[in-house]
Amino acid sequence: MAAERALRLGMGALTGLGLGENESGFSIDQIRARVESRYPEAEPLPDRPELDALLERAGLNVDWNIETSTYRRRELSVVFTSGSSMPRRRTTATSTRHVPVPPKRADARHFQDRLAHAYAEGGFLVLTVRPSQMRSCEAELLRRFDLEKVSFDAILFQYLRAVATELDIDWGVIELADGADRTSQDWTNLLHVISLVAPKIEADLLNQNRHLLLVHPGLIARYDQMAILETLRDRTGHDVPCPGVWVLVATDEQSDMPLLDHAEIPLISPGQRAKVSEPWIVNEDRGRTTTGEVRNTEAQRKRRAD
């Protein structure tokens, strides 16, 4: 296993290291020991400065402290509502005055920067949004980014029907099992059939050559297939054609972590989740460009009518 892949997969083992601003940081030997404890057969992690780049690509925003020979979390960061962070922008030397930016516009701009960075870097990202804003958010994502929309419901039933036909299972039996009690043999049999479908879904998605926007993911939790998301999380943008997968999830804001049917989506780092900025959905970062254009058009029509 390549060193970078081992580092990405072993990120969970690093969460106990000194990542807090008031902690002493963590050394190169500590990182190596944690990763090697999980993936002893993997290539050894390199020394600095190569290791700096690996940590950055893996989602750990840290700096090297020469005095202590340890990595420390970057202190100057803007914390988003999603829990992720991005470096503050330095004020240019030529700036002569400060123009205040409305909070909603600043929030929308920060979120757009976050998405642009995530798109450029590739990988796995879970986006959470209020149910009432789901359709508007989906439309805005597709408008701003080159994403291929994929419905998990649609792809699941596509492969489920194919496997049922292959195994000579009547579709009516599948439907009856879906409504059965979860302690019944029918439900157990259904989950077994779906377990045969899961690898096909993973392969289909991972072999796409475009960034994907995965919508309608609720059945992933219903059928106990969170492992599909784990596979997408670990492999997207690394050793497969698919450069990036964004999963859009409705949330009631009762939890900081993204949930599907009350089951927590397995993530490795805060950088793999983001709460969608509602000002961003309505183009606050662009001065409500889209809305403004509509209003201007309506005003022009009224003037012509007059």
C-alpha atoms as a PDB file:
ATOM      1  CA  MET A   1       0.000   0.000   0.000  1.00  0.00           C
ATOM      2  CA  ALA A   2       1.294   3.459  -0.910  1.00  0.00           C
ATOM      3  CA  ALA A   3       2.321   5.699   1.982  1.00  0.00           C
ATOM      4  CA  GLU A   4      -0.221   8.408   1.104  1.00  0.00           C
ATOM      5  CA  ARG A   5      -3.099   5.932   0.989  1.00  0.00           C
ATOM      6  CA  ALA A   6      -2.042   4.445   4.339  1.00  0.00           C
ATOM      7  CA  LEU A   7      -1.961   7.948   5.810  1.00  0.00           C
ATOM      8  CA  ARG A   8      -5.436   8.788   4.495  1.00  0.00           C
ATOM      9  CA  LEU A   9      -6.918   5.521   5.720  1.00  0.00           C
ATOM     10  CA  GLY A  10      -5.159   5.847   9.063  1.00  0.00           C
ATOM     11  CA  MET A  11      -6.325   9.393   9.766  1.00  0.00           C
ATOM     12  CA  GLY A  12      -8.589   8.089  12.500  1.00  0.00           C
ATOM     13  CA  ALA A  13      -5.521   6.906  14.390  1.00  0.00           C
ATOM     14  CA  LEU A  14      -4.130  10.437  14.395  1.00  0.00           C
ATOM     15  CA  THR A  15      -7.113  12.101  16.039  1.00  0.00           C
ATOM     16  CA  GLY A  16      -5.726  11.417  19.495  1.00  0.00           C
ATOM     17  CA  LEU A  17      -2.477  13.225  18.759  1.00  0.00           C
ATOM     18  CA  GLY A  18      -1.827  16.846  19.691  1.00  0.00           C
ATOM     19  CA  LEU A  19      -4.227  18.582  17.329  1.00  0.00           C
ATOM     20  CA  GLY A  20      -5.511  21.177  19.767  1.00  0.00           C
ATOM     21  CA  GLU A  21      -4.152  24.730  19.750  1.00  0.00           C
ATOM     22  CA  ASN A  22      -3.035  24.448  23.379  1.00  0.00           C
ATOM     23  CA  GLU A  23      -1.403  21.044  23.041  1.00  0.00           C
ATOM     24  CA  SER A  24       2.233  20.265  22.386  1.00  0.00           C
ATOM     25  CA  GLY A  25       1.784  19.005  18.849  1.00  0.00           C
ATOM     26  CA  PHE A  26       2.937  15.674  17.466  1.00  0.00           C
ATOM     27  CA  SER A  27       6.210  14.403  16.067  1.00  0.00           C
ATOM     28  CA  ILE A  28       7.026  12.556  12.863  1.00  0.00           C
ATOM     29  CA  ASP A  29       7.792   9.408  14.854  1.00  0.00           C
ATOM     30  CA  GLN A  30       4.348   9.557  16.463  1.00  0.00           C
ATOM     31  CA  ILE A  31       2.652   9.802  13.078  1.00  0.00           C
ATOM     32  CA  ARG A  32       4.666   6.878  11.734  1.00  0.00           C
ATOM     33  CA  ALA A  33       3.952   4.739  14.767  1.00  0.00           C
ATOM     34  CA  ARG A  34       0.203   5.342  14.573  1.00  0.00           C
ATOM     35  CA  VAL A  35      -0.041   4.627  10.832  1.00  0.00           C
ATOM     36  CA  GLU A  36       2.273   1.602  11.005  1.00  0.00           C
ATOM     37  CA  SER A  37       0.192   0.135  13.840  1.00  0.00           C
ATOM     38  CA  ARG A  38      -2.762  -0.054  11.447  1.00  0.00           C
ATOM     39  CA  TYR A  39      -1.003  -0.747   8.163  1.00  0.00           C
ATOM     40  CA  PRO A  40       2.319  -2.465   8.930  1.00  0.00           C
ATOM     41  CA  GLU A  41       2.768  -3.634   5.327  1.00  0.00           C
ATOM     42  CA  ALA A  42       2.394  -0.135   3.852  1.00  0.00           C
ATOM     43  CA  GLU A  43       5.269   1.921   2.486  1.00  0.00           C
ATOM     44  CA  PRO A  44       6.958   3.962   5.251  1.00  0.00           C
ATOM     45  CA  LEU A  45       6.013   7.619   5.502  1.00  0.00           C
ATOM     46  CA  PRO A  46       8.652   9.981   4.088  1.00  0.00           C
ATOM     47  CA  ASP A  47      10.576  12.644   5.979  1.00  0.00           C
ATOM     48  CA  ARG A  48       9.924  16.341   5.660  1.00  0.00           C
ATOM     49  CA  PRO A  49       9.234  18.197   3.451  1.00  0.00           C
ATOM     50  CA  GLU A  50       7.505  15.366   1.542  1.00  0.00           C
ATOM     51  CA  LEU A  51       5.528  14.489   4.668  1.00  0.00           C
ATOM     52  CA  ASP A  52       4.226  18.089   4.876  1.00  0.00           C
ATOM     53  CA  ALA A  53       2.590  17.698   1.474  1.00  0.00           C
ATOM     54  CA  LEU A  54       1.117  14.299   2.362  1.00  0.00           C
ATOM     55  CA  LEU A  55      -0.458  15.654   5.539  1.00  0.00           C
ATOM     56  CA  GLU A  56      -1.902  18.592   3.613  1.00  0.00           C
ATOM     57  CA  ARG A  57      -3.457  16.358   0.960  1.00  0.00           C
ATOM     58  CA  ALA A  58      -4.829  14.059   3.658  1.00  0.00           C
ATOM     59  CA  GLY A  59      -6.725  16.954   5.230  1.00  0.00           C
ATOM     60  CA  LEU A  60      -4.526  17.813   8.241  1.00  0.00           C
ATOM     61  CA  ASN A  61      -3.939  21.571   8.168  1.00  0.00           C
ATOM     62  CA  VAL A  62      -0.787  21.757  10.271  1.00  0.00           C
ATOM     63  CA  ASP A  63       2.515  23.657  10.336  1.00  0.00           C
ATOM     64  CA  TRP A  64       5.967  22.484  11.350  1.00  0.00           C
ATOM     65  CA  ASN A  65       7.385  23.998  14.530  1.00  0.00           C
ATOM     66  CA  ILE A  66      11.173  24.114  14.185  1.00  0.00           C
ATOM     67  CA  GLU A  67      11.784  24.750  17.896  1.00  0.00           C
ATOM     68  CA  THR A  68       9.835  21.714  19.126  1.00  0.00           C
ATOM     69  CA  SER A  69      10.234  19.548  15.991  1.00  0.00           C
ATOM     70  CA  THR A  70       6.503  18.882  16.007  1.00  0.00           C
ATOM     71  CA  TYR A  71       3.467  19.622  13.872  1.00  0.00           C
ATOM     72  CA  ARG A  72       0.880  22.048  15.217  1.00  0.00           C
ATOM     73  CA  ARG A  73      -2.600  22.981  14.044  1.00  0.00           C
ATOM     74  CA  ARG A  74      -2.597  26.232  12.122  1.00  0.00           C
ATOM     75  CA  GLU A  75      -3.732  28.956  14.490  1.00  0.00           C
ATOM     76  CA  LEU A  76      -4.942  31.498  11.950  1.00  0.00           C
ATOM     77  CA  SER A  77      -8.031  29.934  10.466  1.00  0.00           C
ATOM     78  CA  VAL A  78     -11.589  30.812   9.697  1.00  0.00           C
ATOM     79  CA  VAL A  79     -13.927  28.241  11.214  1.00  0.00           C
ATOM     80  CA  PHE A  80     -16.988  27.470   9.100  1.00  0.00           C
ATOM     81  CA  THR A  81     -20.362  26.325  10.315  1.00  0.00           C
ATOM     82  CA  SER A  82     -19.479  22.951   8.850  1.00  0.00           C
ATOM     83  CA  GLY A  83     -16.601  22.523  11.283  1.00  0.00           C
ATOM     84  CA  SER A  84     -13.980  22.768   8.552  1.00  0.00           C
ATOM     85  CA  SER A  85     -11.422  25.524   8.312  1.00  0.00           C
ATOM     86  CA  MET A  86      -9.522  27.540   5.750  1.00  0.00           C
ATOM     87  CA  PRO A  87      -6.557  29.911   6.083  1.00  0.00           C
ATOM     88  CA  ARG A  88      -7.327  33.576   6.602  1.00  0.00           C
ATOM     89  CA  ARG A  89      -6.576  35.813   3.658  1.00  0.00           C
ATOM     90  CA  ARG A  90      -3.826  38.310   4.311  1.00  0.00           C
ATOM     91  CA  THR A  91      -4.652  41.948   3.811  1.00  0.00           C
ATOM     92  CA  THR A  92      -2.745  43.321   0.834  1.00  0.00           C
ATOM     93  CA  ALA A  93      -0.214  46.060   1.429  1.00  0.00           C
ATOM     94  CA  THR A  94      -1.909  48.298  -1.143  1.00  0.00           C
ATOM     95  CA  SER A  95      -5.233  48.305   0.691  1.00  0.00           C
ATOM     96  CA  THR A  96      -6.035  51.786   1.990  1.00  0.00           C
ATOM     97  CA  ARG A  97      -9.432  51.231   3.550  1.00  0.00           C
ATOM     98  CA  HIS A  98     -11.555  48.464   4.972  1.00  0.00           C
ATOM     99  CA  VAL A  99     -14.909  47.913   3.327  1.00  0.00           C
ATOM    100  CA  PRO A 100     -17.185  45.970   5.676  1.00  0.00           C
ATOM    101  CA  VAL A 101     -18.746  42.880   4.136  1.00  0.00           C
ATOM    102  CA  PRO A 102     -22.256  41.934   5.290  1.00  0.00           C
ATOM    103  CA  PRO A 103     -22.134  38.766   7.443  1.00  0.00           C
ATOM    104  CA  LYS A 104     -24.369  36.758   5.112  1.00  0.00           C
ATOM    105  CA  ARG A 105     -22.270  37.665   2.090  1.00  0.00           C
ATOM    106  CA  ALA A 106     -19.075  36.789   3.945  1.00  0.00           C
ATOM    107  CA  ASP A 107     -20.545  33.440   4.983  1.00  0.00           C
ATOM    108  CA  ALA A 108     -21.576  32.690   1.404  1.00  0.00           C
ATOM    109  CA  ARG A 109     -18.162  33.656   0.034  1.00  0.00           C
ATOM    110  CA  HIS A 110     -16.365  31.517   2.585  1.00  0.00           C
ATOM    111  CA  PHE A 111     -18.548  28.559   1.686  1.00  0.00           C
ATOM    112  CA  GLN A 112     -17.952  29.051  -2.041  1.00  0.00           C
ATOM    113  CA  ASP A 113     -14.207  29.121  -1.370  1.00  0.00           C
ATOM    114  CA  ARG A 114     -14.563  25.936   0.662  1.00  0.00           C
ATOM    115  CA  LEU A 115     -16.379  24.173  -2.175  1.00  0.00           C
ATOM    116  CA  ALA A 116     -13.985  25.443  -4.837  1.00  0.00           C
ATOM    117  CA  HIS A 117     -11.067  24.125  -2.806  1.00  0.00           C
ATOM    118  CA  ALA A 118     -12.793  20.768  -2.252  1.00  0.00           C
ATOM    119  CA  TYR A 119     -13.596  20.442  -5.950  1.00  0.00           C
ATOM    120  CA  ALA A 120     -10.020  21.197  -6.977  1.00  0.00           C
ATOM    121  CA  GLU A 121      -8.579  18.774  -4.434  1.00  0.00           C
ATOM    122  CA  GLY A 122     -11.091  16.007  -5.168  1.00  0.00           C
ATOM    123  CA  GLY A 123     -12.102  13.309  -2.724  1.00  0.00           C
ATOM    124  CA  PHE A 124     -15.167  12.689  -0.574  1.00  0.00           C
ATOM    125  CA  LEU A 125     -17.405  15.367   0.942  1.00  0.00           C
ATOM    126  CA  VAL A 126     -20.761  15.196   2.741  1.00  0.00           C
ATOM    127  CA  LEU A 127     -22.912  18.314   2.422  1.00  0.00           C
ATOM    128  CA  THR A 128     -25.768  18.811   4.884  1.00  0.00           C
ATOM    129  CA  VAL A 129     -28.714  21.124   4.284  1.00  0.00           C
ATOM    130  CA  ARG A 130     -32.176  21.702   5.716  1.00  0.00           C
ATOM    131  CA  PRO A 131     -34.858  19.607   3.956  1.00  0.00           C
ATOM    132  CA  SER A 132     -36.688  22.743   2.817  1.00  0.00           C
ATOM    133  CA  GLN A 133     -33.535  23.926   1.032  1.00  0.00           C
ATOM    134  CA  MET A 134     -32.592  20.566  -0.493  1.00  0.00           C
ATOM    135  CA  ARG A 135     -33.848  21.122  -4.037  1.00  0.00           C
ATOM    136  CA  SER A 136     -32.551  24.696  -4.253  1.00  0.00           C
ATOM    137  CA  CYS A 137     -29.169  23.585  -2.934  1.00  0.00           C
ATOM    138  CA  GLU A 138     -28.981  20.731  -5.430  1.00  0.00           C
ATOM    139  CA  ALA A 139     -29.777  23.078  -8.311  1.00  0.00           C
ATOM    140  CA  GLU A 140     -27.176  25.616  -7.163  1.00  0.00           C
ATOM    141  CA  LEU A 141     -24.458  22.976  -6.829  1.00  0.00           C
ATOM    142  CA  LEU A 142     -25.143  21.727 -10.340  1.00  0.00           C
ATOM    143  CA  ARG A 143     -25.168  25.278 -11.678  1.00  0.00           C
ATOM    144  CA  ARG A 144     -21.876  26.321 -10.119  1.00  0.00           C
ATOM    145  CA  PHE A 145     -19.854  23.113 -10.487  1.00  0.00           C
ATOM    146  CA  ASP A 146     -19.365  20.502 -13.190  1.00  0.00           C
ATOM    147  CA  LEU A 147     -21.059  17.646 -11.342  1.00  0.00           C
ATOM    148  CA  GLU A 148     -22.818  14.514 -12.542  1.00  0.00           C
ATOM    149  CA  LYS A 149     -25.996  14.013 -10.521  1.00  0.00           C
ATOM    150  CA  VAL A 150     -26.523  10.413  -9.394  1.00  0.00           C
ATOM    151  CA  SER A 151     -29.594   9.232  -7.473  1.00  0.00           C
ATOM    152  CA  PHE A 152     -28.702   6.421  -5.084  1.00  0.00           C
ATOM    153  CA  ASP A 153     -32.308   5.222  -5.171  1.00  0.00           C
ATOM    154  CA  ALA A 154     -32.174   4.905  -8.962  1.00  0.00           C
ATOM    155  CA  ILE A 155     -28.834   3.118  -9.142  1.00  0.00           C
ATOM    156  CA  LEU A 156     -29.784   0.770  -6.288  1.00  0.00           C
ATOM    157  CA  PHE A 157     -33.002  -0.354  -7.950  1.00  0.00           C
ATOM    158  CA  GLN A 158     -31.276  -0.633 -11.312  1.00  0.00           C
ATOM    159  CA  TYR A 159     -28.796  -3.181  -9.974  1.00  0.00           C
ATOM    160  CA  LEU A 160     -31.283  -4.799  -7.597  1.00  0.00           C
ATOM    161  CA  ARG A 161     -33.604  -5.607 -10.492  1.00  0.00           C
ATOM    162  CA  ALA A 162     -30.679  -6.990 -12.493  1.00  0.00           C
ATOM    163  CA  VAL A 163     -29.562  -9.273  -9.640  1.00  0.00           C
ATOM    164  CA  ALA A 164     -33.150 -10.394  -8.967  1.00  0.00           C
ATOM    165  CA  THR A 165     -33.490 -11.355 -12.623  1.00  0.00           C
ATOM    166  CA  GLU A 166     -30.139 -13.139 -12.550  1.00  0.00           C
ATOM    167  CA  LEU A 167     -31.171 -15.140  -9.477  1.00  0.00           C
ATOM    168  CA  ASP A 168     -34.695 -15.712 -10.828  1.00  0.00           C
ATOM    169  CA  ILE A 169     -36.301 -13.829  -7.918  1.00  0.00           C
ATOM    170  CA  ASP A 170     -39.719 -12.369  -8.655  1.00  0.00           C
ATOM    171  CA  TRP A 171     -39.777  -8.607  -8.070  1.00  0.00           C
ATOM    172  CA  GLY A 172     -42.960  -9.011  -6.061  1.00  0.00           C
ATOM    173  CA  VAL A 173     -40.992 -11.085  -3.552  1.00  0.00           C
ATOM    174  CA  ILE A 174     -38.489  -8.224  -3.211  1.00  0.00           C
ATOM    175  CA  GLU A 175     -41.291  -5.746  -2.557  1.00  0.00           C
ATOM    176  CA  LEU A 176     -42.914  -7.975   0.074  1.00  0.00           C
ATOM    177  CA  ALA A 177     -39.577  -8.495   1.827  1.00  0.00           C
ATOM    178  CA  ASP A 178     -39.019  -4.724   1.867  1.00  0.00           C
ATOM    179  CA  GLY A 179     -42.172  -4.320   3.929  1.00  0.00           C
ATOM    180  CA  ALA A 180     -41.409  -7.230   6.247  1.00  0.00           C
ATOM    181  CA  ASP A 181     -40.431  -6.973   9.910  1.00  0.00           C
ATOM    182  CA  ARG A 182     -36.718  -6.424  10.365  1.00  0.00           C
ATOM    183  CA  THR A 183     -36.460  -9.501  12.555  1.00  0.00           C
ATOM    184  CA  SER A 184     -37.963 -11.724   9.857  1.00  0.00           C
ATOM    185  CA  GLN A 185     -36.193 -14.125   7.527  1.00  0.00           C
ATOM    186  CA  ASP A 186     -37.624 -12.242   4.541  1.00  0.00           C
ATOM    187  CA  TRP A 187     -35.841  -9.064   5.623  1.00  0.00           C
ATOM    188  CA  THR A 188     -32.605 -10.991   6.191  1.00  0.00           C
ATOM    189  CA  ASN A 189     -32.876 -12.499   2.712  1.00  0.00           C
ATOM    190  CA  LEU A 190     -33.437  -9.048   1.211  1.00  0.00           C
ATOM    191  CA  LEU A 191     -30.314  -7.683   2.898  1.00  0.00           C
ATOM    192  CA  HIS A 192     -28.366 -10.628   1.510  1.00  0.00           C
ATOM    193  CA  VAL A 193     -29.495  -9.810  -2.031  1.00  0.00           C
ATOM    194  CA  ILE A 194     -28.632  -6.147  -1.521  1.00  0.00           C
ATOM    195  CA  SER A 195     -25.183  -7.160  -0.263  1.00  0.00           C
ATOM    196  CA  LEU A 196     -24.644  -8.716  -3.702  1.00  0.00           C
ATOM    197  CA  VAL A 197     -25.622  -5.417  -5.302  1.00  0.00           C
ATOM    198  CA  ALA A 198     -23.363  -3.177  -3.195  1.00  0.00           C
ATOM    199  CA  PRO A 199     -20.046  -4.027  -4.927  1.00  0.00           C
ATOM    200  CA  LYS A 200     -21.648  -3.321  -8.305  1.00  0.00           C
ATOM    201  CA  ILE A 201     -22.800   0.105  -7.137  1.00  0.00           C
ATOM    202  CA  GLU A 202     -19.356   0.900  -5.733  1.00  0.00           C
ATOM    203  CA  ALA A 203     -17.649  -0.126  -8.969  1.00  0.00           C
ATOM    204  CA  ASP A 204     -20.094   1.884 -11.068  1.00  0.00           C
ATOM    205  CA  LEU A 205     -19.552   5.075  -9.079  1.00  0.00           C
ATOM    206  CA  LEU A 206     -15.799   4.732  -8.644  1.00  0.00           C
ATOM    207  CA  ASN A 207     -15.266   4.169 -12.358  1.00  0.00           C
ATOM    208  CA  GLN A 208     -16.977   7.413 -13.341  1.00  0.00           C
ATOM    209  CA  ASN A 209     -14.576   9.973 -14.809  1.00  0.00           C
ATOM    210  CA  ARG A 210     -16.471  12.980 -13.438  1.00  0.00           C
ATOM    211  CA  HIS A 211     -17.137  14.565 -10.082  1.00  0.00           C
ATOM    212  CA  LEU A 212     -20.376  13.117  -8.739  1.00  0.00           C
ATOM    213  CA  LEU A 213     -23.214  14.636  -6.719  1.00  0.00           C
ATOM    214  CA  LEU A 214     -24.908  11.735  -4.907  1.00  0.00           C
ATOM    215  CA  VAL A 215     -28.510  12.519  -3.962  1.00  0.00           C
ATOM    216  CA  HIS A 216     -31.323  10.519  -2.308  1.00  0.00           C
ATOM    217  CA  PRO A 217     -28.914   8.467  -0.141  1.00  0.00           C
ATOM    218  CA  GLY A 218     -31.458   7.471   2.539  1.00  0.00           C
ATOM    219  CA  LEU A 219     -31.703   3.802   1.496  1.00  0.00           C
ATOM    220  CA  ILE A 220     -27.995   3.385   2.269  1.00  0.00           C
ATOM    221  CA  ALA A 221     -28.849   3.455   5.965  1.00  0.00           C
ATOM    222  CA  ARG A 222     -32.154   1.603   5.624  1.00  0.00           C
ATOM    223  CA  TYR A 223     -30.405  -1.407   4.130  1.00  0.00           C
ATOM    224  CA  ASP A 224     -27.313  -1.232   6.397  1.00  0.00           C
ATOM    225  CA  GLN A 225     -24.981  -0.337   3.530  1.00  0.00           C
ATOM    226  CA  MET A 226     -22.856   2.371   5.140  1.00  0.00           C
ATOM    227  CA  ALA A 227     -19.873   0.384   3.894  1.00  0.00           C
ATOM    228  CA  ILE A 228     -20.629   1.794   0.443  1.00  0.00           C
ATOM    229  CA  LEU A 229     -19.954   5.300   1.744  1.00  0.00           C
ATOM    230  CA  GLU A 230     -16.806   4.093   3.501  1.00  0.00           C
ATOM    231  CA  THR A 231     -15.506   2.689   0.219  1.00  0.00           C
ATOM    232  CA  LEU A 232     -16.323   5.914  -1.626  1.00  0.00           C
ATOM    233  CA  ARG A 233     -14.676   7.894   1.163  1.00  0.00           C
ATOM    234  CA  ASP A 234     -11.465   5.870   1.096  1.00  0.00           C
ATOM    235  CA  ARG A 235     -10.986   5.427  -2.643  1.00  0.00           C
ATOM    236  CA  THR A 236     -12.460   8.443  -4.408  1.00  0.00           C
ATOM    237  CA  GLY A 237      -9.739  10.634  -5.872  1.00  0.00           C
ATOM    238  CA  HIS A 238      -6.984   8.159  -5.038  1.00  0.00           C
ATOM    239  CA  ASP A 239      -6.706   4.875  -6.941  1.00  0.00           C
ATOM    240  CA  VAL A 240      -9.871   5.063  -9.094  1.00  0.00           C
ATOM    241  CA  PRO A 241     -11.004   7.184 -12.071  1.00  0.00           C
ATOM    242  CA  CYS A 242     -13.646   9.117 -10.095  1.00  0.00           C
ATOM    243  CA  PRO A 243     -12.023  12.374  -8.880  1.00  0.00           C
ATOM    244  CA  GLY A 244     -14.658  13.372  -6.340  1.00  0.00           C
ATOM    245  CA  VAL A 245     -17.972  12.422  -4.715  1.00  0.00           C
ATOM    246  CA  TRP A 246     -20.203  14.911  -2.905  1.00  0.00           C
ATOM    247  CA  VAL A 247     -23.109  13.436  -0.943  1.00  0.00           C
ATOM    248  CA  LEU A 248     -26.068  15.750  -0.317  1.00  0.00           C
ATOM    249  CA  VAL A 249     -27.888  14.927   2.931  1.00  0.00           C
ATOM    250  CA  ALA A 250     -30.957  16.499   4.519  1.00  0.00           C
ATOM    251  CA  THR A 251     -30.482  17.332   8.196  1.00  0.00           C
ATOM    252  CA  ASP A 252     -32.676  18.721  10.955  1.00  0.00           C
ATOM    253  CA  GLU A 253     -29.639  20.416  12.567  1.00  0.00           C
ATOM    254  CA  GLN A 254     -30.043  18.402  15.780  1.00  0.00           C
ATOM    255  CA  SER A 255     -26.579  16.872  15.360  1.00  0.00           C
ATOM    256  CA  ASP A 256     -23.180  18.246  14.381  1.00  0.00           C
ATOM    257  CA  MET A 257     -22.477  15.030  12.483  1.00  0.00           C
ATOM    258  CA  PRO A 258     -24.244  14.119   9.220  1.00  0.00           C
ATOM    259  CA  LEU A 259     -26.826  11.384   9.727  1.00  0.00           C
ATOM    260  CA  LEU A 260     -28.801   9.031   7.498  1.00  0.00           C
ATOM    261  CA  ASP A 261     -31.909   7.594   9.145  1.00  0.00           C
ATOM    262  CA  HIS A 262     -30.343   8.343  12.571  1.00  0.00           C
ATOM    263  CA  ALA A 263     -27.133   6.501  11.584  1.00  0.00           C
ATOM    264  CA  GLU A 264     -23.924   8.545  11.581  1.00  0.00           C
ATOM    265  CA  ILE A 265     -22.106   8.719   8.264  1.00  0.00           C
ATOM    266  CA  PRO A 266     -18.572   7.364   8.794  1.00  0.00           C
ATOM    267  CA  LEU A 267     -16.090  10.188   8.252  1.00  0.00           C
ATOM    268  CA  ILE A 268     -12.396  10.435   9.022  1.00  0.00           C
ATOM    269  CA  SER A 269     -11.882  14.175   9.408  1.00  0.00           C
ATOM    270  CA  PRO A 270     -13.956  17.374   9.760  1.00  0.00           C
ATOM    271  CA  GLY A 271     -12.782  18.337   6.277  1.00  0.00           C
ATOM    272  CA  GLN A 272     -15.034  15.635   4.836  1.00  0.00           C
ATOM    273  CA  ARG A 273     -18.242  17.375   5.888  1.00  0.00           C
ATOM    274  CA  ALA A 274     -19.702  20.827   5.407  1.00  0.00           C
ATOM    275  CA  LYS A 275     -22.958  22.491   6.371  1.00  0.00           C
ATOM    276  CA  VAL A 276     -24.334  24.289   3.332  1.00  0.00           C
ATOM    277  CA  SER A 277     -24.497  28.053   3.739  1.00  0.00           C
ATOM    278  CA  GLU A 278     -28.071  29.177   3.115  1.00  0.00           C
ATOM    279  CA  PRO A 279     -26.921  32.660   2.009  1.00  0.00           C
ATOM    280  CA  TRP A 280     -24.799  30.847  -0.594  1.00  0.00           C
ATOM    281  CA  ILE A 281     -27.883  29.048  -1.928  1.00  0.00           C
ATOM    282  CA  VAL A 282     -29.521  32.400  -2.695  1.00  0.00           C
ATOM    283  CA  ASN A 283     -26.337  33.896  -4.215  1.00  0.00           C
ATOM    284  CA  GLU A 284     -25.457  36.296  -1.388  1.00  0.00           C
ATOM    285  CA  ASP A 285     -21.791  35.921  -2.353  1.00  0.00           C
ATOM    286  CA  ARG A 286     -22.651  37.267  -5.796  1.00  0.00           C
ATOM    287  CA  GLY A 287     -24.877  40.014  -4.525  1.00  0.00           C
ATOM    288  CA  ARG A 288     -27.950  37.860  -5.284  1.00  0.00           C
ATOM    289  CA  THR A 289     -26.984  37.973  -8.956  1.00  0.00           C
ATOM    290  CA  THR A 290     -29.557  35.463 -10.136  1.00  0.00           C
ATOM    291  CA  THR A 291     -32.403  37.039  -8.170  1.00  0.00           C
ATOM    292  CA  GLY A 292     -31.325  40.512  -9.266  1.00  0.00           C
ATOM    293  CA  GLU A 293     -31.345  39.516 -12.907  1.00  0.00           C
ATOM    294  CA  VAL A 294     -34.892  38.213 -12.582  1.00  0.00           C
ATOM    295  CA  ARG A 295     -36.047  41.380 -10.863  1.00  0.00           C
ATOM    296  CA  ASN A 296     -34.365  43.564 -13.480  1.00  0.00           C
ATOM    297  CA  THR A 297     -36.058  41.631 -16.258  1.00  0.00           C
ATOM    298  CA  GLU A 298     -39.457  41.998 -14.603  1.00  0.00           C
ATOM    299  CA  ALA A 299     -38.901  45.742 -14.132  1.00  0.00           C
ATOM    300  CA  GLN A 300     -37.948  46.147 -17.785  1.00  0.00           C
ATOM    301  CA  ARG A 301     -41.102  44.340 -18.856  1.00  0.00           C
ATOM    302  CA  LYS A 302     -43.232  46.600 -16.687  1.00  0.00           C
ATOM    303  CA  ARG A 303     -41.596  49.731 -18.148  1.00  0.00           C
ATOM    304  CA  ARG A 304     -42.218  48.456 -21.671  1.00  0.00           C
ATOM    305  CA  ALA A 305     -45.844  47.722 -20.788  1.00  0.00           C
ATOM    306  CA  ASP A 306     -46.255  51.256 -19.448  1.00  0.00           C
END
